Amino acid sequence: MTFHGTSDQVALAEWLFQELNRSPQEDQNPPNREYHLAGSGDTEVRVLYGVPGATQRVVNDLVTASARWEMSRGYSLASN
């Protein structure tokens, strides 16, 4: 795989690749799975794992909870 971008963007791509290549079962109590993109203010990337066999309602509840958490931290859900 080849990445093109700034050094910060390549670092994010490398981190994301490692996170997505990790099995959720590798760590029952995962560490903080957040990456703060340098030079972009408060931009962060998070990796969330779903529950195998989850119903659509469970997925919707997870998305809603994540959105509420973002809004509680003062983030806007609208793209700029």
Protein backbone atom coordinates (compact mmCIF):
# COMPACT_ATOMS: atom_id res chain seq x y z
CA MET A 1 0.00 0.00 0.00
CA THR A 2 1.26 3.47 -0.81
CA PHE A 3 0.26 6.64 1.00
CA HIS A 4 0.69 10.15 -0.35
CA GLY A 5 0.27 13.28 1.73
CA THR A 6 1.94 15.40 4.32
CA SER A 7 4.04 13.72 6.98
CA ASP A 8 1.15 14.21 9.44
CA GLN A 9 -1.32 12.58 7.04
CA VAL A 10 1.01 9.64 6.41
CA ALA A 11 1.45 9.19 10.18
CA LEU A 12 -2.34 9.11 10.55
CA ALA A 13 -2.65 6.56 7.74
CA GLU A 14 -0.03 4.33 9.39
CA TRP A 15 -1.79 4.57 12.76
CA LEU A 16 -5.19 3.85 11.21
CA PHE A 17 -3.85 0.87 9.27
CA GLN A 18 -2.42 -0.62 12.48
CA GLU A 19 -5.66 -0.02 14.38
CA LEU A 20 -7.83 -1.55 11.68
CA ASN A 21 -5.49 -4.53 11.45
CA ARG A 22 -5.91 -5.22 15.16
CA SER A 23 -8.50 -7.70 16.38
CA PRO A 24 -10.87 -6.34 19.05
CA GLN A 25 -10.29 -9.61 20.92
CA GLU A 26 -6.56 -8.84 21.26
CA ASP A 27 -7.30 -6.52 24.15
CA GLN A 28 -10.40 -6.88 26.29
CA ASN A 29 -9.79 -3.41 27.77
CA PRO A 30 -8.50 -1.45 24.78
CA PRO A 31 -6.44 1.66 25.40
CA ASN A 32 -7.53 5.04 24.19
CA ARG A 33 -7.96 4.46 20.46
CA GLU A 34 -7.76 8.09 19.43
CA TYR A 35 -5.35 9.85 17.13
CA HIS A 36 -4.96 13.62 17.23
CA LEU A 37 -3.92 14.97 13.85
CA ALA A 38 -1.05 17.40 14.35
CA GLY A 39 -1.44 20.86 12.88
CA SER A 40 -5.20 20.62 12.47
CA GLY A 41 -6.53 22.06 15.69
CA ASP A 42 -8.68 19.60 17.56
CA THR A 43 -9.20 17.07 14.78
CA GLU A 44 -9.18 13.54 16.10
CA VAL A 45 -9.81 10.11 14.64
CA ARG A 46 -11.27 7.31 16.74
CA VAL A 47 -11.66 3.61 16.09
CA LEU A 48 -14.81 2.06 17.53
CA TYR A 49 -15.58 -1.65 17.44
CA GLY A 50 -19.09 -2.92 17.04
CA VAL A 51 -20.60 -5.96 18.66
CA PRO A 52 -20.77 -9.05 16.41
CA GLY A 53 -24.36 -9.89 15.60
CA ALA A 54 -25.63 -6.53 16.82
CA THR A 55 -29.09 -5.52 15.68
CA GLN A 56 -29.69 -2.34 13.73
CA ARG A 57 -31.10 -0.79 16.90
CA VAL A 58 -27.85 -1.45 18.79
CA VAL A 59 -25.83 0.09 15.94
CA ASN A 60 -28.14 3.14 15.88
CA ASP A 61 -27.78 3.54 19.66
CA LEU A 62 -23.98 3.39 19.34
CA VAL A 63 -23.99 6.06 16.63
CA THR A 64 -26.36 8.26 18.65
CA ALA A 65 -24.24 7.91 21.79
CA SER A 66 -21.10 8.78 19.83
CA ALA A 67 -22.77 11.86 18.32
CA ARG A 68 -23.93 13.03 21.75
CA TRP A 69 -20.42 12.57 23.11
CA GLU A 70 -19.02 14.65 20.25
CA MET A 71 -21.57 17.42 20.84
CA SER A 72 -20.87 17.37 24.60
CA ARG A 73 -17.23 18.14 23.78
CA GLY A 74 -18.29 21.10 21.65
CA TYR A 75 -17.72 19.50 18.25
CA SER A 76 -20.01 20.17 15.34
CA LEU A 77 -21.33 17.22 13.38
CA ALA A 78 -21.59 19.34 10.25
CA SER A 79 -18.73 19.14 7.78
CA ASN A 80 -16.89 22.34 6.98
